[in-house]
């Protein structure tokens, strides 16, 4: 069976294990059902911007053409560094987009990906955000009313915790036993006094044992050595699908981050 269309991140649902769907030209492929199958992914040497659709020779920020990359609010620096949000200064690239996406309830969370990390997400993106990061456990700890305030709190936690995932370790499924709730209860009394009263005034504590989320990913086996495929250098990727974790397809001979190749025209064959 063969499918063709432009790649983008896989959709996911918190089932046990996680369910993954890939949309190609209006066709929905249940990727988790393809474990053990031989797949061939072929890059067709065409990239179209995921926002405006124009053809581009190079993809920026996981699928945008350069004009969109430099003009859209969703591609601005503050998306990666929310504590640098400048909406309140009146300089947001797209104020309406900022209202709809940044001036909305956000959650600060702890997760176990390749170890413990702190992160933020819009409330509406739970639990997809955790799945996309390959977290096996996650705990919402605090709720706030804007992305900016969540970024300030995250920055304070980063003095004590990592905010990055070791993606190679995550893909190998090398897990540590971590008590996320105990970590929060130990750190919050240290972090809270470091924050301005304006930030802490609207904070809601969400952490509890009942709020802890466990995530199991579809897998036959995980790799012991990570070899990463690059469609720009190797336009044909073929192998047996052994697992899916985060936004990675894990084959018996390498891994590929599907989200990285947003906008790439590709075909997927299942044997």
C-alpha atoms as a PDB file:
ATOM      1  CA  UNK A   1       0.000   0.000   0.000  1.00  0.00           C
ATOM      2  CA  UNK A   2       1.300   3.482  -0.898  1.00  0.00           C
ATOM      3  CA  UNK A   3       0.362   6.922   0.445  1.00  0.00           C
ATOM      4  CA  UNK A   4       1.620  10.330  -0.655  1.00  0.00           C
ATOM      5  CA  UNK A   5       1.355  13.828   0.758  1.00  0.00           C
ATOM      6  CA  UNK A   6       3.100  16.545   2.757  1.00  0.00           C
ATOM      7  CA  UNK A   7       4.565  15.484   6.094  1.00  0.00           C
ATOM      8  CA  UNK A   8       3.717  17.099   9.419  1.00  0.00           C
ATOM      9  CA  UNK A   9       3.688  16.040  13.048  1.00  0.00           C
ATOM     10  CA  UNK A  10       1.752  12.909  13.855  1.00  0.00           C
ATOM     11  CA  UNK A  11      -1.492  13.258  15.796  1.00  0.00           C
ATOM     12  CA  UNK A  12      -1.636  11.279  19.027  1.00  0.00           C
ATOM     13  CA  UNK A  13      -4.137  10.032  21.581  1.00  0.00           C
ATOM     14  CA  UNK A  14      -3.442   8.949  25.148  1.00  0.00           C
ATOM     15  CA  UNK A  15      -4.414   5.320  24.882  1.00  0.00           C
ATOM     16  CA  UNK A  16      -2.452   2.343  26.233  1.00  0.00           C
ATOM     17  CA  UNK A  17      -0.221   2.314  24.338  1.00  0.00           C
ATOM     18  CA  UNK A  18      -0.388   5.730  22.622  1.00  0.00           C
ATOM     19  CA  UNK A  19      -2.214   5.810  19.274  1.00  0.00           C
ATOM     20  CA  UNK A  20      -0.570   7.668  16.397  1.00  0.00           C
ATOM     21  CA  UNK A  21      -2.167   8.924  13.184  1.00  0.00           C
ATOM     22  CA  UNK A  22      -0.380  10.379  10.159  1.00  0.00           C
ATOM     23  CA  UNK A  23      -2.418  12.380   7.640  1.00  0.00           C
ATOM     24  CA  UNK A  24      -1.237  12.254   4.023  1.00  0.00           C
ATOM     25  CA  UNK A  25      -3.422  13.938   1.385  1.00  0.00           C
ATOM     26  CA  UNK A  26      -6.555  13.410   3.444  1.00  0.00           C
ATOM     27  CA  UNK A  27      -5.820   9.762   4.213  1.00  0.00           C
ATOM     28  CA  UNK A  28      -5.409   8.757   7.859  1.00  0.00           C
ATOM     29  CA  UNK A  29      -2.744   6.136   8.574  1.00  0.00           C
ATOM     30  CA  UNK A  30      -2.791   4.457  11.990  1.00  0.00           C
ATOM     31  CA  UNK A  31       0.954   4.288  12.456  1.00  0.00           C
ATOM     32  CA  UNK A  32       0.813   2.291  15.707  1.00  0.00           C
ATOM     33  CA  UNK A  33      -0.834  -0.536  13.774  1.00  0.00           C
ATOM     34  CA  UNK A  34       2.211  -0.813  11.494  1.00  0.00           C
ATOM     35  CA  UNK A  35       4.650  -2.100  14.126  1.00  0.00           C
ATOM     36  CA  UNK A  36       6.613  -5.008  12.683  1.00  0.00           C
ATOM     37  CA  UNK A  37       5.863  -3.931   9.098  1.00  0.00           C
ATOM     38  CA  UNK A  38       8.456  -3.004   6.492  1.00  0.00           C
ATOM     39  CA  UNK A  39       8.069   0.679   5.559  1.00  0.00           C
ATOM     40  CA  UNK A  40       9.650   2.851   2.897  1.00  0.00           C
ATOM     41  CA  UNK A  41       9.533   6.644   3.258  1.00  0.00           C
ATOM     42  CA  UNK A  42      10.620   8.581   0.157  1.00  0.00           C
ATOM     43  CA  UNK A  43      11.223  12.333   0.027  1.00  0.00           C
ATOM     44  CA  UNK A  44       9.958  13.588  -3.355  1.00  0.00           C
ATOM     45  CA  UNK A  45      12.307  16.631  -3.476  1.00  0.00           C
ATOM     46  CA  UNK A  46       9.551  19.212  -2.944  1.00  0.00           C
ATOM     47  CA  UNK A  47       8.886  21.357   0.151  1.00  0.00           C
ATOM     48  CA  UNK A  48       5.828  23.566   0.638  1.00  0.00           C
ATOM     49  CA  UNK A  49       5.427  25.966   3.548  1.00  0.00           C
ATOM     50  CA  UNK A  50       3.077  24.554   6.181  1.00  0.00           C
ATOM     51  CA  UNK A  51       1.508  27.996   6.630  1.00  0.00           C
ATOM     52  CA  UNK A  52       1.188  29.669   3.224  1.00  0.00           C
ATOM     53  CA  UNK A  53       1.799  26.686   0.943  1.00  0.00           C
ATOM     54  CA  UNK A  54       4.443  28.374  -1.221  1.00  0.00           C
ATOM     55  CA  UNK A  55       7.270  26.219  -2.562  1.00  0.00           C
ATOM     56  CA  UNK A  56      10.539  26.677  -0.702  1.00  0.00           C
ATOM     57  CA  UNK A  57      14.023  25.273  -1.200  1.00  0.00           C
ATOM     58  CA  UNK A  58      14.642  25.170   2.539  1.00  0.00           C
ATOM     59  CA  UNK A  59      12.423  24.562   5.537  1.00  0.00           C
ATOM     60  CA  UNK A  60      12.684  26.819   8.595  1.00  0.00           C
ATOM     61  CA  UNK A  61      11.423  26.007  12.079  1.00  0.00           C
ATOM     62  CA  UNK A  62       9.973  22.624  11.078  1.00  0.00           C
ATOM     63  CA  UNK A  63       8.158  23.560   7.919  1.00  0.00           C
ATOM     64  CA  UNK A  64       7.962  27.316   7.253  1.00  0.00           C
ATOM     65  CA  UNK A  65       9.274  29.289   4.286  1.00  0.00           C
ATOM     66  CA  UNK A  66      11.623  32.157   5.125  1.00  0.00           C
ATOM     67  CA  UNK A  67       9.043  34.988   4.748  1.00  0.00           C
ATOM     68  CA  UNK A  68       6.654  33.207   7.133  1.00  0.00           C
ATOM     69  CA  UNK A  69       9.501  32.347   9.502  1.00  0.00           C
ATOM     70  CA  UNK A  70      10.422  36.025   9.815  1.00  0.00           C
ATOM     71  CA  UNK A  71       6.876  37.419  10.024  1.00  0.00           C
ATOM     72  CA  UNK A  72       4.664  34.996  11.959  1.00  0.00           C
ATOM     73  CA  UNK A  73       4.234  35.306  15.716  1.00  0.00           C
ATOM     74  CA  UNK A  74       4.344  31.516  16.029  1.00  0.00           C
ATOM     75  CA  UNK A  75       7.941  31.618  14.724  1.00  0.00           C
ATOM     76  CA  UNK A  76       9.134  34.457  16.962  1.00  0.00           C
ATOM     77  CA  UNK A  77      11.958  34.002  19.470  1.00  0.00           C
ATOM     78  CA  UNK A  78       9.567  34.226  22.416  1.00  0.00           C
ATOM     79  CA  UNK A  79       7.927  30.930  21.420  1.00  0.00           C
ATOM     80  CA  UNK A  80      11.133  29.142  22.438  1.00  0.00           C
ATOM     81  CA  UNK A  81      11.793  31.609  25.278  1.00  0.00           C
ATOM     82  CA  UNK A  82       8.358  32.587  26.652  1.00  0.00           C
ATOM     83  CA  UNK A  83       9.907  34.699  29.423  1.00  0.00           C
ATOM     84  CA  UNK A  84      10.915  37.068  26.601  1.00  0.00           C
ATOM     85  CA  UNK A  85       7.312  37.625  25.482  1.00  0.00           C
ATOM     86  CA  UNK A  86       6.878  41.213  24.290  1.00  0.00           C
ATOM     87  CA  UNK A  87       3.123  41.311  23.774  1.00  0.00           C
ATOM     88  CA  UNK A  88       2.727  43.737  26.698  1.00  0.00           C
ATOM     89  CA  UNK A  89       5.158  46.098  24.942  1.00  0.00           C
ATOM     90  CA  UNK A  90       2.891  46.305  21.914  1.00  0.00           C
ATOM     91  CA  UNK A  91       5.453  44.701  19.585  1.00  0.00           C
ATOM     92  CA  UNK A  92       3.858  41.292  18.992  1.00  0.00           C
ATOM     93  CA  UNK A  93       4.085  40.313  15.313  1.00  0.00           C
ATOM     94  CA  UNK A  94       0.427  39.261  15.313  1.00  0.00           C
ATOM     95  CA  UNK A  95      -1.510  40.560  18.356  1.00  0.00           C
ATOM     96  CA  UNK A  96      -4.634  38.542  17.515  1.00  0.00           C
ATOM     97  CA  UNK A  97      -2.580  35.342  17.345  1.00  0.00           C
ATOM     98  CA  UNK A  98      -0.986  36.280  20.655  1.00  0.00           C
ATOM     99  CA  UNK A  99      -4.412  36.741  22.249  1.00  0.00           C
ATOM    100  CA  UNK A 100      -5.590  33.344  20.990  1.00  0.00           C
ATOM    101  CA  UNK A 101      -2.447  31.404  21.886  1.00  0.00           C
ATOM    102  CA  UNK A 102      -0.305  33.208  24.461  1.00  0.00           C
ATOM    103  CA  UNK A 103      -2.873  35.069  26.554  1.00  0.00           C
ATOM    104  CA  UNK A 104      -4.504  31.764  27.465  1.00  0.00           C
ATOM    105  CA  UNK A 105      -4.235  29.416  30.462  1.00  0.00           C
ATOM    106  CA  UNK A 106      -0.843  27.692  30.591  1.00  0.00           C
ATOM    107  CA  UNK A 107       0.473  24.860  32.716  1.00  0.00           C
ATOM    108  CA  UNK A 108       3.944  24.398  34.159  1.00  0.00           C
ATOM    109  CA  UNK A 109       4.746  20.697  34.419  1.00  0.00           C
ATOM    110  CA  UNK A 110       7.413  18.201  35.401  1.00  0.00           C
ATOM    111  CA  UNK A 111       8.014  15.204  33.172  1.00  0.00           C
ATOM    112  CA  UNK A 112      10.274  12.182  32.877  1.00  0.00           C
ATOM    113  CA  UNK A 113      11.673  11.974  29.357  1.00  0.00           C
ATOM    114  CA  UNK A 114      15.373  11.118  29.617  1.00  0.00           C
ATOM    115  CA  UNK A 115      15.299  12.231  33.233  1.00  0.00           C
ATOM    116  CA  UNK A 116      13.312  14.886  35.037  1.00  0.00           C
ATOM    117  CA  UNK A 117      12.619  18.158  33.221  1.00  0.00           C
ATOM    118  CA  UNK A 118      10.448  21.218  33.666  1.00  0.00           C
ATOM    119  CA  UNK A 119       8.319  22.570  30.830  1.00  0.00           C
ATOM    120  CA  UNK A 120       5.268  24.637  29.930  1.00  0.00           C
ATOM    121  CA  UNK A 121       2.338  24.166  27.591  1.00  0.00           C
ATOM    122  CA  UNK A 122      -1.076  25.591  26.857  1.00  0.00           C
ATOM    123  CA  UNK A 123      -3.685  23.862  28.948  1.00  0.00           C
ATOM    124  CA  UNK A 124      -5.397  22.764  25.744  1.00  0.00           C
ATOM    125  CA  UNK A 125      -2.238  20.902  24.622  1.00  0.00           C
ATOM    126  CA  UNK A 126      -2.318  18.402  27.500  1.00  0.00           C
ATOM    127  CA  UNK A 127      -1.457  15.521  27.147  1.00  0.00           C
ATOM    128  CA  UNK A 128      -0.263  15.863  23.506  1.00  0.00           C
ATOM    129  CA  UNK A 129       2.711  17.992  24.535  1.00  0.00           C
ATOM    130  CA  UNK A 130       3.962  15.266  26.869  1.00  0.00           C
ATOM    131  CA  UNK A 131       3.501  12.575  24.241  1.00  0.00           C
ATOM    132  CA  UNK A 132       5.388  14.660  21.648  1.00  0.00           C
ATOM    133  CA  UNK A 133       8.343  14.890  24.035  1.00  0.00           C
ATOM    134  CA  UNK A 134       8.446  11.160  24.658  1.00  0.00           C
ATOM    135  CA  UNK A 135       7.628  11.512  28.368  1.00  0.00           C
ATOM    136  CA  UNK A 136       6.766   8.311  30.216  1.00  0.00           C
ATOM    137  CA  UNK A 137       5.356  10.279  33.145  1.00  0.00           C
ATOM    138  CA  UNK A 138       4.137  13.838  33.543  1.00  0.00           C
ATOM    139  CA  UNK A 139       2.717  15.960  36.331  1.00  0.00           C
ATOM    140  CA  UNK A 140       1.016  19.352  35.954  1.00  0.00           C
ATOM    141  CA  UNK A 141       2.289  21.395  38.884  1.00  0.00           C
ATOM    142  CA  UNK A 142       1.098  25.000  38.442  1.00  0.00           C
ATOM    143  CA  UNK A 143      -1.492  26.858  36.397  1.00  0.00           C
ATOM    144  CA  UNK A 144      -1.266  30.497  35.241  1.00  0.00           C
ATOM    145  CA  UNK A 145      -3.193  32.784  32.904  1.00  0.00           C
ATOM    146  CA  UNK A 146      -0.551  33.573  30.288  1.00  0.00           C
ATOM    147  CA  UNK A 147       2.439  32.117  28.470  1.00  0.00           C
ATOM    148  CA  UNK A 148       4.621  34.971  29.742  1.00  0.00           C
ATOM    149  CA  UNK A 149       4.006  34.155  33.397  1.00  0.00           C
ATOM    150  CA  UNK A 150       4.509  30.436  32.763  1.00  0.00           C
ATOM    151  CA  UNK A 151       7.870  31.285  31.183  1.00  0.00           C
ATOM    152  CA  UNK A 152       8.962  33.306  34.194  1.00  0.00           C
ATOM    153  CA  UNK A 153       8.103  30.418  36.527  1.00  0.00           C
ATOM    154  CA  UNK A 154       9.811  27.890  34.262  1.00  0.00           C
ATOM    155  CA  UNK A 155      12.952  30.044  34.280  1.00  0.00           C
ATOM    156  CA  UNK A 156      12.962  30.015  38.082  1.00  0.00           C
ATOM    157  CA  UNK A 157      12.637  26.217  38.135  1.00  0.00           C
ATOM    158  CA  UNK A 158      15.461  25.889  35.590  1.00  0.00           C
ATOM    159  CA  UNK A 159      17.900  26.995  38.272  1.00  0.00           C
ATOM    160  CA  UNK A 160      17.225  23.645  39.903  1.00  0.00           C
ATOM    161  CA  UNK A 161      16.086  21.377  37.045  1.00  0.00           C
ATOM    162  CA  UNK A 162      16.881  20.636  33.419  1.00  0.00           C
ATOM    163  CA  UNK A 163      14.537  21.909  30.703  1.00  0.00           C
ATOM    164  CA  UNK A 164      16.020  19.795  27.909  1.00  0.00           C
ATOM    165  CA  UNK A 165      15.570  16.202  26.827  1.00  0.00           C
ATOM    166  CA  UNK A 166      18.489  13.971  25.910  1.00  0.00           C
ATOM    167  CA  UNK A 167      16.704  12.653  22.826  1.00  0.00           C
ATOM    168  CA  UNK A 168      19.094   9.761  22.307  1.00  0.00           C
ATOM    169  CA  UNK A 169      18.557   8.509  25.837  1.00  0.00           C
ATOM    170  CA  UNK A 170      14.799   9.044  25.456  1.00  0.00           C
ATOM    171  CA  UNK A 171      14.716   6.916  22.289  1.00  0.00           C
ATOM    172  CA  UNK A 172      16.695   4.137  23.945  1.00  0.00           C
ATOM    173  CA  UNK A 173      13.993   4.136  26.651  1.00  0.00           C
ATOM    174  CA  UNK A 174      16.636   4.358  29.359  1.00  0.00           C
ATOM    175  CA  UNK A 175      14.353   5.250  32.249  1.00  0.00           C
ATOM    176  CA  UNK A 176      15.032   6.564  35.717  1.00  0.00           C
ATOM    177  CA  UNK A 177      12.629   6.069  38.604  1.00  0.00           C
ATOM    178  CA  UNK A 178      11.560   9.595  39.566  1.00  0.00           C
ATOM    179  CA  UNK A 179       9.003  10.861  42.065  1.00  0.00           C
ATOM    180  CA  UNK A 180       7.711  13.962  40.284  1.00  0.00           C
ATOM    181  CA  UNK A 181       5.350  15.020  43.063  1.00  0.00           C
ATOM    182  CA  UNK A 182       8.041  14.785  45.727  1.00  0.00           C
ATOM    183  CA  UNK A 183      10.369  16.829  43.507  1.00  0.00           C
ATOM    184  CA  UNK A 184       7.793  19.595  43.161  1.00  0.00           C
ATOM    185  CA  UNK A 185       6.972  19.647  46.873  1.00  0.00           C
ATOM    186  CA  UNK A 186      10.697  19.952  47.661  1.00  0.00           C
ATOM    187  CA  UNK A 187      11.427  22.698  45.125  1.00  0.00           C
ATOM    188  CA  UNK A 188       8.349  24.934  45.216  1.00  0.00           C
ATOM    189  CA  UNK A 189       9.177  26.447  48.640  1.00  0.00           C
ATOM    190  CA  UNK A 190      12.575  27.429  47.182  1.00  0.00           C
ATOM    191  CA  UNK A 191      11.251  28.727  43.858  1.00  0.00           C
ATOM    192  CA  UNK A 192       8.180  30.663  45.018  1.00  0.00           C
ATOM    193  CA  UNK A 193      10.092  33.342  46.993  1.00  0.00           C
ATOM    194  CA  UNK A 194      12.207  34.073  43.883  1.00  0.00           C
ATOM    195  CA  UNK A 195       9.136  35.178  41.909  1.00  0.00           C
ATOM    196  CA  UNK A 196       7.532  38.610  41.829  1.00  0.00           C
ATOM    197  CA  UNK A 197       4.220  38.980  43.632  1.00  0.00           C
ATOM    198  CA  UNK A 198       2.563  39.810  40.300  1.00  0.00           C
ATOM    199  CA  UNK A 199       3.469  36.336  39.036  1.00  0.00           C
ATOM    200  CA  UNK A 200       2.565  34.325  42.136  1.00  0.00           C
ATOM    201  CA  UNK A 201      -0.711  36.131  42.714  1.00  0.00           C
ATOM    202  CA  UNK A 202      -2.553  34.210  40.006  1.00  0.00           C
ATOM    203  CA  UNK A 203      -0.802  30.862  40.418  1.00  0.00           C
ATOM    204  CA  UNK A 204      -2.910  27.745  40.982  1.00  0.00           C
ATOM    205  CA  UNK A 205      -1.218  24.666  42.448  1.00  0.00           C
ATOM    206  CA  UNK A 206      -2.219  21.636  40.377  1.00  0.00           C
ATOM    207  CA  UNK A 207       0.192  19.006  41.647  1.00  0.00           C
ATOM    208  CA  UNK A 208      -1.266  15.947  43.330  1.00  0.00           C
ATOM    209  CA  UNK A 209      -0.788  12.202  43.221  1.00  0.00           C
ATOM    210  CA  UNK A 210      -4.045  11.880  41.251  1.00  0.00           C
ATOM    211  CA  UNK A 211      -2.803  14.334  38.601  1.00  0.00           C
ATOM    212  CA  UNK A 212       0.169  12.131  37.667  1.00  0.00           C
ATOM    213  CA  UNK A 213      -0.080  10.784  34.103  1.00  0.00           C
ATOM    214  CA  UNK A 214       1.657   7.580  32.953  1.00  0.00           C
ATOM    215  CA  UNK A 215       2.362   7.197  29.234  1.00  0.00           C
ATOM    216  CA  UNK A 216       3.190   3.956  27.400  1.00  0.00           C
ATOM    217  CA  UNK A 217       4.397   4.076  23.796  1.00  0.00           C
ATOM    218  CA  UNK A 218       3.838   1.453  21.073  1.00  0.00           C
ATOM    219  CA  UNK A 219       7.026  -0.602  20.840  1.00  0.00           C
ATOM    220  CA  UNK A 220       8.318  -4.036  19.945  1.00  0.00           C
ATOM    221  CA  UNK A 221      11.857  -3.061  20.950  1.00  0.00           C
ATOM    222  CA  UNK A 222      14.019   0.017  21.467  1.00  0.00           C
ATOM    223  CA  UNK A 223      17.453   0.654  19.892  1.00  0.00           C
ATOM    224  CA  UNK A 224      20.706   0.302  21.785  1.00  0.00           C
ATOM    225  CA  UNK A 225      22.477   2.600  19.313  1.00  0.00           C
ATOM    226  CA  UNK A 226      20.875   5.663  17.731  1.00  0.00           C
ATOM    227  CA  UNK A 227      21.344   6.321  14.000  1.00  0.00           C
ATOM    228  CA  UNK A 228      19.367   9.341  12.806  1.00  0.00           C
ATOM    229  CA  UNK A 229      18.032   9.526   9.247  1.00  0.00           C
ATOM    230  CA  UNK A 230      18.237  12.838   7.351  1.00  0.00           C
ATOM    231  CA  UNK A 231      15.885  13.112   4.370  1.00  0.00           C
ATOM    232  CA  UNK A 232      17.933  15.967   2.874  1.00  0.00           C
ATOM    233  CA  UNK A 233      20.934  13.653   2.601  1.00  0.00           C
ATOM    234  CA  UNK A 234      19.159  10.304   2.335  1.00  0.00           C
ATOM    235  CA  UNK A 235      15.793  10.738   0.547  1.00  0.00           C
ATOM    236  CA  UNK A 236      14.766   7.093   0.967  1.00  0.00           C
ATOM    237  CA  UNK A 237      14.357   5.590   4.440  1.00  0.00           C
ATOM    238  CA  UNK A 238      13.418   1.927   4.661  1.00  0.00           C
ATOM    239  CA  UNK A 239      13.234  -0.518   7.522  1.00  0.00           C
ATOM    240  CA  UNK A 240      11.049  -2.474   9.927  1.00  0.00           C
ATOM    241  CA  UNK A 241       9.064  -0.236  12.273  1.00  0.00           C
ATOM    242  CA  UNK A 242       9.960  -1.290  15.813  1.00  0.00           C
ATOM    243  CA  UNK A 243       8.527   1.571  17.881  1.00  0.00           C
ATOM    244  CA  UNK A 244       7.086   5.087  17.915  1.00  0.00           C
ATOM    245  CA  UNK A 245       8.041   7.520  20.656  1.00  0.00           C
ATOM    246  CA  UNK A 246       7.575  11.267  20.791  1.00  0.00           C
ATOM    247  CA  UNK A 247       7.458  12.266  17.127  1.00  0.00           C
ATOM    248  CA  UNK A 248      10.031   9.647  16.140  1.00  0.00           C
ATOM    249  CA  UNK A 249       9.553   6.561  14.003  1.00  0.00           C
ATOM    250  CA  UNK A 250      12.036   3.990  15.309  1.00  0.00           C
ATOM    251  CA  UNK A 251      13.127   1.460  12.695  1.00  0.00           C
ATOM    252  CA  UNK A 252      15.404  -1.533  13.083  1.00  0.00           C
ATOM    253  CA  UNK A 253      18.152   0.449  11.311  1.00  0.00           C
ATOM    254  CA  UNK A 254      17.630   4.051  12.433  1.00  0.00           C
ATOM    255  CA  UNK A 255      15.208   6.749  13.607  1.00  0.00           C
ATOM    256  CA  UNK A 256      13.514   9.749  12.008  1.00  0.00           C
ATOM    257  CA  UNK A 257      11.860  12.773  13.598  1.00  0.00           C
ATOM    258  CA  UNK A 258       8.692  13.260  11.546  1.00  0.00           C
ATOM    259  CA  UNK A 259       8.029  16.733  12.924  1.00  0.00           C
ATOM    260  CA  UNK A 260      11.389  17.970  11.613  1.00  0.00           C
ATOM    261  CA  UNK A 261      10.245  17.443   8.024  1.00  0.00           C
ATOM    262  CA  UNK A 262       7.009  19.420   8.059  1.00  0.00           C
ATOM    263  CA  UNK A 263       6.032  20.479   4.532  1.00  0.00           C
ATOM    264  CA  UNK A 264       8.150  17.821   2.782  1.00  0.00           C
ATOM    265  CA  UNK A 265       6.310  15.993   0.007  1.00  0.00           C
ATOM    266  CA  UNK A 266       6.817  12.302   0.639  1.00  0.00           C
ATOM    267  CA  UNK A 267       5.438   8.880  -0.132  1.00  0.00           C
ATOM    268  CA  UNK A 268       4.973   6.103   2.403  1.00  0.00           C
ATOM    269  CA  UNK A 269       4.858   2.489   1.297  1.00  0.00           C
ATOM    270  CA  UNK A 270       3.827  -0.393   3.558  1.00  0.00           C
ATOM    271  CA  UNK A 271       4.937  -3.921   2.677  1.00  0.00           C
END
